[in-house]
Amino acid sequence: MDYNKFLYQQQKKLALARKKQKQVQVKELTFRPGTEEGDLKVKLRKLVEFIENGDKVKVSVRLRGREMAHKDLVRGLFERIEKHVEEIAIIELPPKYEDRQLASARKIMQIIMVIAPKKTK
């Protein structure tokens, strides 16, 4: 067998493998506890669109000041998101709390959840 022919075939195989490759991105959607129904529906549509494209989605809810007392609203929001995407996605990271202190002495709490598309066979 000709060595140059072998190298050519190897290059073609590598090029074909690179062509079929999909790079997964992590998209982020940010909510607030007071997000209204219309805005929520728009964001949920975008969430489904990102997942159908094969991207992971990081859903975060930011709470400031007195909003931190209403974690039950946030829990309900996350449950609604989970129900909305249960057929097409899995929860990779369940809701997790993170506290942050800003330089202006204001405290912000952020709750994060990561959603990934289900594996296709």
Protein backbone atom coordinates (compact mmCIF):
# COMPACT_ATOMS: atom_id res chain seq x y z
CA MET A 1 0.00 0.00 0.00
CA ASP A 2 1.17 3.48 -0.80
CA TYR A 3 2.10 5.48 2.30
CA ASN A 4 0.80 8.76 0.84
CA LYS A 5 -2.55 7.12 0.12
CA PHE A 6 -2.68 5.94 3.74
CA LEU A 7 -1.96 9.47 5.04
CA TYR A 8 -4.64 10.89 2.75
CA GLN A 9 -7.24 8.43 4.07
CA GLN A 10 -6.30 9.26 7.67
CA GLN A 11 -6.73 12.98 6.99
CA LYS A 12 -10.15 12.33 5.47
CA LYS A 13 -11.21 10.32 8.54
CA LEU A 14 -10.10 13.11 10.87
CA ALA A 15 -11.87 15.75 8.81
CA LEU A 16 -15.09 13.73 8.85
CA ALA A 17 -14.85 13.23 12.64
CA ARG A 18 -14.36 17.00 13.16
CA LYS A 19 -17.32 17.75 10.91
CA LYS A 20 -19.68 15.57 12.97
CA GLN A 21 -18.47 16.99 16.28
CA LYS A 22 -20.83 19.16 18.35
CA GLN A 23 -19.39 21.56 20.90
CA VAL A 24 -21.70 21.91 23.90
CA GLN A 25 -22.16 25.42 25.22
CA VAL A 26 -23.60 26.48 28.56
CA LYS A 27 -26.31 29.10 28.13
CA GLU A 28 -27.58 31.08 31.10
CA LEU A 29 -31.09 32.29 31.89
CA THR A 30 -31.60 34.64 34.83
CA PHE A 31 -34.88 35.02 36.66
CA ARG A 32 -36.09 37.18 39.53
CA PRO A 33 -38.77 36.18 42.04
CA GLY A 34 -41.14 38.77 40.59
CA THR A 35 -40.84 37.62 36.98
CA GLU A 36 -44.29 38.00 35.45
CA GLU A 37 -46.17 35.28 33.55
CA GLY A 38 -45.51 36.61 30.03
CA ASP A 39 -41.77 37.02 30.58
CA LEU A 40 -41.63 33.59 32.19
CA LYS A 41 -43.24 31.98 29.14
CA VAL A 42 -40.76 33.69 26.81
CA LYS A 43 -37.81 32.50 28.90
CA LEU A 44 -39.20 28.96 29.08
CA ARG A 45 -39.49 28.92 25.26
CA LYS A 46 -35.85 30.00 24.99
CA LEU A 47 -34.89 27.32 27.52
CA VAL A 48 -36.53 24.62 25.40
CA GLU A 49 -34.87 26.01 22.27
CA PHE A 50 -31.41 25.88 23.89
CA ILE A 51 -31.94 22.31 25.07
CA GLU A 52 -33.19 21.17 21.65
CA ASN A 53 -30.01 22.63 20.11
CA GLY A 54 -28.01 20.36 22.44
CA ASP A 55 -26.75 23.05 24.83
CA LYS A 56 -26.74 22.94 28.62
CA VAL A 57 -28.67 25.67 30.39
CA LYS A 58 -27.75 27.29 33.70
CA VAL A 59 -30.88 28.69 35.32
CA SER A 60 -30.24 31.24 38.05
CA VAL A 61 -32.55 33.23 40.29
CA ARG A 62 -31.16 36.29 42.02
CA LEU A 63 -32.57 37.44 45.33
CA ARG A 64 -31.76 40.83 46.83
CA GLY A 65 -32.61 42.29 50.21
CA ARG A 66 -36.09 41.36 51.42
CA GLU A 67 -36.61 38.95 48.55
CA MET A 68 -34.46 36.44 50.46
CA ALA A 69 -37.36 35.82 52.83
CA HIS A 70 -39.45 34.38 49.97
CA LYS A 71 -37.52 31.26 49.05
CA ASP A 72 -40.81 29.38 48.67
CA LEU A 73 -41.56 31.43 45.52
CA VAL A 74 -38.20 30.41 44.09
CA ARG A 75 -38.81 26.75 44.93
CA GLY A 76 -42.13 26.93 43.07
CA LEU A 77 -40.41 28.56 40.09
CA PHE A 78 -37.81 25.78 39.90
CA GLU A 79 -40.50 23.09 40.17
CA ARG A 80 -42.37 24.72 37.31
CA ILE A 81 -39.21 24.78 35.18
CA GLU A 82 -38.51 21.11 35.95
CA LYS A 83 -42.05 20.10 34.91
CA HIS A 84 -41.75 22.13 31.72
CA VAL A 85 -38.58 20.34 30.52
CA GLU A 86 -38.96 16.87 32.05
CA GLU A 87 -39.51 15.10 28.68
CA ILE A 88 -36.53 16.62 26.88
CA ALA A 89 -33.97 17.25 29.62
CA ILE A 90 -32.49 16.06 32.88
CA ILE A 91 -31.50 18.07 35.92
CA GLU A 92 -27.72 17.85 36.03
CA LEU A 93 -27.32 20.01 39.14
CA PRO A 94 -30.31 20.47 41.48
CA PRO A 95 -30.99 23.96 42.87
CA LYS A 96 -28.02 25.15 44.91
CA TYR A 97 -27.76 28.31 47.03
CA GLU A 98 -24.83 30.71 46.75
CA ASP A 99 -24.33 33.86 48.82
CA ARG A 100 -22.40 36.82 47.47
CA GLN A 101 -21.42 40.03 49.16
CA LEU A 102 -21.14 43.08 46.94
CA ALA A 103 -18.65 45.89 47.52
CA SER A 104 -21.50 48.25 48.39
CA ALA A 105 -22.37 46.10 51.45
CA ARG A 106 -25.45 44.66 49.71
CA LYS A 107 -25.96 40.96 49.93
CA ILE A 108 -27.19 38.96 46.95
CA MET A 109 -28.28 35.35 47.05
CA GLN A 110 -28.21 33.38 43.86
CA ILE A 111 -29.83 30.00 43.37
CA ILE A 112 -28.47 27.95 40.47
CA MET A 113 -29.71 24.87 38.63
CA VAL A 114 -28.10 23.25 35.58
CA ILE A 115 -30.24 21.47 32.98
CA ALA A 116 -28.77 19.20 30.30
CA PRO A 117 -30.45 17.60 27.29
CA LYS A 118 -31.28 13.90 27.48
CA LYS A 119 -28.93 11.60 25.63
CA THR A 120 -30.18 10.56 22.22
CA LYS A 121 -29.69 6.98 21.07
